[in-house]
Protein backbone atom coordinates (compact mmCIF):
# COMPACT_ATOMS: atom_id res chain seq x y z
CA ARG A 1 -7.80 -4.82 -28.13
CA TYR A 2 -11.37 -5.22 -25.82
CA VAL A 3 -12.53 -3.45 -23.04
CA VAL A 4 -14.80 -5.32 -20.71
CA LYS A 5 -17.24 -3.44 -18.08
CA LEU A 6 -17.73 -5.54 -15.00
CA ARG A 7 -20.80 -4.47 -12.73
CA SER A 8 -20.68 -4.11 -8.69
CA PRO A 9 -21.11 -7.64 -7.85
CA GLU A 10 -18.17 -8.91 -10.05
CA THR A 11 -15.81 -7.11 -7.56
CA LEU A 12 -16.60 -10.23 -5.46
CA HIS A 13 -14.63 -12.05 -7.97
CA ILE A 14 -12.05 -9.60 -8.49
CA HIS A 15 -8.76 -11.56 -7.52
CA ALA A 16 -10.06 -14.57 -9.56
CA ILE A 17 -10.46 -12.13 -12.67
CA LEU A 18 -7.02 -10.52 -11.93
CA LYS A 19 -5.24 -13.78 -11.53
CA ALA A 20 -6.91 -15.10 -14.82
CA PHE A 21 -5.58 -11.77 -16.86
CA PRO A 22 -2.47 -11.34 -14.55
CA HIS A 23 -0.91 -8.72 -17.18
CA VAL A 24 -3.94 -6.50 -18.22
CA PRO A 25 -4.63 -3.06 -16.97
CA TRP A 26 -7.84 -2.27 -15.28
CA VAL A 27 -9.39 0.86 -13.97
CA MET A 28 -12.14 0.50 -10.91
CA LEU A 29 -14.97 3.55 -11.38
CA CYS A 30 -16.34 4.48 -8.00
CA ARG A 31 -18.79 6.32 -6.75
CA ASN A 32 -20.24 8.15 -3.28
CA PRO A 33 -21.65 4.98 -1.17
CA VAL A 34 -24.30 7.15 -0.24
CA GLU A 35 -25.76 8.46 -3.63
CA VAL A 36 -24.98 4.49 -4.87
CA MET A 37 -27.33 3.27 -1.98
CA ILE A 38 -30.20 6.24 -2.56
CA SER A 39 -29.70 4.71 -6.22
CA ALA A 40 -30.46 1.52 -5.45
CA LEU A 41 -33.13 1.81 -2.70
CA GLU A 42 -35.19 4.40 -4.85
CA HIS A 43 -34.51 1.81 -7.90
CA PRO A 44 -33.76 -1.86 -6.44
CA THR A 45 -32.16 -3.94 -9.60
CA GLY A 46 -29.22 -6.20 -9.25
CA TRP A 47 -27.83 -7.25 -5.58
CA LEU A 48 -30.86 -5.22 -3.98
CA ALA A 49 -33.48 -6.88 -6.03
CA TYR A 50 -31.77 -10.33 -5.40
CA LYS A 51 -32.02 -9.80 -1.25
CA GLN A 52 -35.83 -8.34 -1.95
CA ARG A 53 -37.06 -11.56 -4.19
CA ARG A 54 -35.09 -13.92 -1.05
CA ASN A 55 -36.83 -12.01 1.67
CA ALA A 56 -34.08 -11.67 3.32
CA ARG A 57 -34.71 -10.44 7.15
CA MET A 58 -32.63 -7.19 7.43
CA SER A 59 -33.78 -3.96 6.16
CA ASP A 60 -32.63 -2.85 2.31
CA GLU A 61 -30.63 0.01 4.15
CA HIS A 62 -28.88 -2.51 6.03
CA TYR A 63 -28.58 -4.96 3.23
CA SER A 64 -26.99 -2.05 0.54
CA ALA A 65 -25.04 -0.64 3.65
CA ALA A 66 -23.50 -4.19 4.22
CA MET A 67 -22.79 -5.06 0.70
CA LEU A 68 -21.46 -1.73 -0.30
CA ALA A 69 -18.76 -2.15 2.19
CA HIS A 70 -18.07 -5.56 1.28
CA PHE A 71 -17.38 -4.26 -2.52
CA PHE A 72 -15.32 -2.07 -1.17
CA ARG A 73 -13.16 -4.30 0.89
CA ARG A 74 -12.69 -6.42 -2.30
CA ALA A 75 -11.87 -3.51 -4.32
CA THR A 76 -9.32 -2.24 -1.76
CA SER A 77 -7.62 -5.51 -1.58
CA ALA A 78 -7.48 -5.91 -5.18
CA VAL A 79 -5.58 -2.36 -6.04
CA GLU A 80 -3.46 -3.14 -2.99
CA ALA A 81 -2.60 -6.54 -4.70
CA ALA A 82 -2.62 -5.45 -8.76
CA GLY A 83 -0.31 -2.35 -8.13
CA ALA A 84 0.22 -0.36 -11.15
CA ARG A 85 -2.14 -2.39 -13.09
CA GLY A 86 -4.84 -0.84 -11.34
CA LEU A 87 -6.42 2.71 -11.66
CA VAL A 88 -8.81 3.87 -9.13
CA LEU A 89 -11.26 6.84 -10.16
CA ASP A 90 -14.31 8.49 -8.65
CA HIS A 91 -16.79 8.92 -11.64
CA THR A 92 -16.61 12.62 -10.96
CA ASP A 93 -13.06 12.61 -12.65
CA LEU A 94 -14.41 11.56 -15.59
CA THR A 95 -13.84 14.93 -17.36
CA LEU A 96 -11.68 15.55 -20.24
CA LYS A 97 -8.54 14.92 -18.39
CA GLY A 98 -9.91 11.98 -16.49
CA MET A 99 -10.99 9.99 -19.80
CA LEU A 100 -6.98 10.94 -21.18
CA ARG A 101 -5.87 9.39 -17.88
CA VAL A 102 -7.82 6.73 -18.45
CA ALA A 103 -6.86 6.10 -22.38
CA THR A 104 -3.10 6.59 -21.38
CA HIS A 105 -3.30 3.36 -18.33
CA PHE A 106 -4.86 1.41 -21.00
CA GLY A 107 -2.21 2.43 -23.73
CA LEU A 108 -4.97 3.88 -26.01
CA LEU A 109 -3.32 6.98 -26.65
CA PRO A 110 -5.73 8.75 -29.06
CA ASP A 111 -4.89 10.45 -32.36
CA PRO A 112 -4.65 14.23 -32.11
CA ASP A 113 -7.11 14.67 -34.40
CA GLU A 114 -9.82 12.87 -32.56
């Protein structure tokens, strides 16, 4: 078994990924978009750094908000299309109980000694 971690820009291709792996369970970990924006604005990497390199005309704040909205729209439509094989969690739910929920979702039941 393998676990593949994708970054937020890959949500733009989520339907193709789900089509390529139609029986694979998946988890989408979400974070408060305001926290994501603050982090991205303080430390521009990935999609925001790309925007800055292209010298786009909209402000970084506006671009960040637009991109996050786009990521969430794609993710929401993927969750609706995927049914039970998709699980959405907030990153604050990654407690022991949340991790057990994720493990169970993937059929990775831990040994009692673990």
